[in-house]
Amino acid sequence: MLSCKEVTHLLSEAQDRKLSLTESMQLKLHLMVCKGCTNFSAQMDFLRRACRGYLTRDTPRDDD
């Protein structure tokens, strides 16, 4: 089974590339038994959504 350090690395990698089937299965197995990594994954998802929301919101420009 993957260590928590390996899982956090894979969760980060998954933001930039598609994980292999083996990586994905190992990640899911670890997340089923590790509450800490599950929380970390949820926090990463929240931050990703928050950043995307910030980038896509309508903000007044200085020159308007």
Protein backbone atom coordinates (compact mmCIF):
# COMPACT_ATOMS: atom_id res chain seq x y z
CA MET A 1 0.00 0.00 0.00
CA LEU A 2 1.12 3.56 -0.67
CA SER A 3 2.41 5.75 2.13
CA CYS A 4 0.69 9.03 2.97
CA LYS A 5 3.65 10.88 1.46
CA GLU A 6 3.23 8.98 -1.81
CA VAL A 7 -0.51 9.66 -1.79
CA THR A 8 -0.10 13.40 -1.36
CA HIS A 9 2.38 13.35 -4.24
CA LEU A 10 -0.07 11.42 -6.45
CA LEU A 11 -2.92 13.77 -5.54
CA SER A 12 -0.75 16.66 -6.67
CA GLU A 13 0.30 14.83 -9.83
CA ALA A 14 -3.34 14.14 -10.65
CA GLN A 15 -3.86 17.89 -11.04
CA ASP A 16 -1.43 17.93 -13.99
CA ARG A 17 -1.82 14.54 -15.63
CA LYS A 18 -4.06 11.51 -15.85
CA LEU A 19 -2.95 8.84 -13.41
CA SER A 20 -2.29 5.31 -14.62
CA LEU A 21 -4.81 2.63 -13.74
CA THR A 22 -2.40 1.20 -11.15
CA GLU A 23 -1.79 4.61 -9.57
CA SER A 24 -5.49 5.36 -9.51
CA MET A 25 -6.38 2.03 -7.89
CA GLN A 26 -3.63 2.35 -5.27
CA LEU A 27 -4.75 5.89 -4.51
CA LYS A 28 -8.39 4.89 -4.09
CA LEU A 29 -7.45 1.97 -1.85
CA HIS A 30 -5.38 4.23 0.41
CA LEU A 31 -8.09 6.88 0.56
CA MET A 32 -10.62 4.24 1.68
CA VAL A 33 -8.59 3.57 4.83
CA CYS A 34 -6.84 6.88 5.58
CA LYS A 35 -8.93 9.75 6.93
CA GLY A 36 -5.97 12.16 6.91
CA CYS A 37 -5.32 11.73 3.19
CA THR A 38 -9.05 11.86 2.46
CA ASN A 39 -9.18 15.22 4.25
CA PHE A 40 -6.11 16.40 2.32
CA SER A 41 -7.77 15.41 -0.95
CA ALA A 42 -10.94 17.32 -0.03
CA GLN A 43 -8.88 20.39 0.89
CA MET A 44 -7.07 20.25 -2.45
CA ASP A 45 -10.41 20.01 -4.28
CA PHE A 46 -11.74 23.01 -2.34
CA LEU A 47 -8.64 25.11 -3.11
CA ARG A 48 -8.81 24.18 -6.81
CA ARG A 49 -12.48 25.20 -7.01
CA ALA A 50 -11.83 28.43 -5.08
CA CYS A 51 -8.96 29.40 -7.38
CA ARG A 52 -10.99 28.65 -10.49
CA GLY A 53 -13.88 30.67 -9.11
CA TYR A 54 -11.58 33.58 -8.39
CA LEU A 55 -10.13 33.50 -11.90
CA THR A 56 -13.52 33.37 -13.62
CA ARG A 57 -15.41 35.92 -11.54
CA ASP A 58 -16.26 39.31 -12.99
CA THR A 59 -13.98 41.89 -11.44
CA PRO A 60 -13.88 45.56 -12.35
CA ARG A 61 -10.70 46.61 -14.07
CA ASP A 62 -8.69 49.60 -12.99
CA ASP A 63 -9.19 51.23 -16.41
CA ASP A 64 -13.03 50.94 -16.30
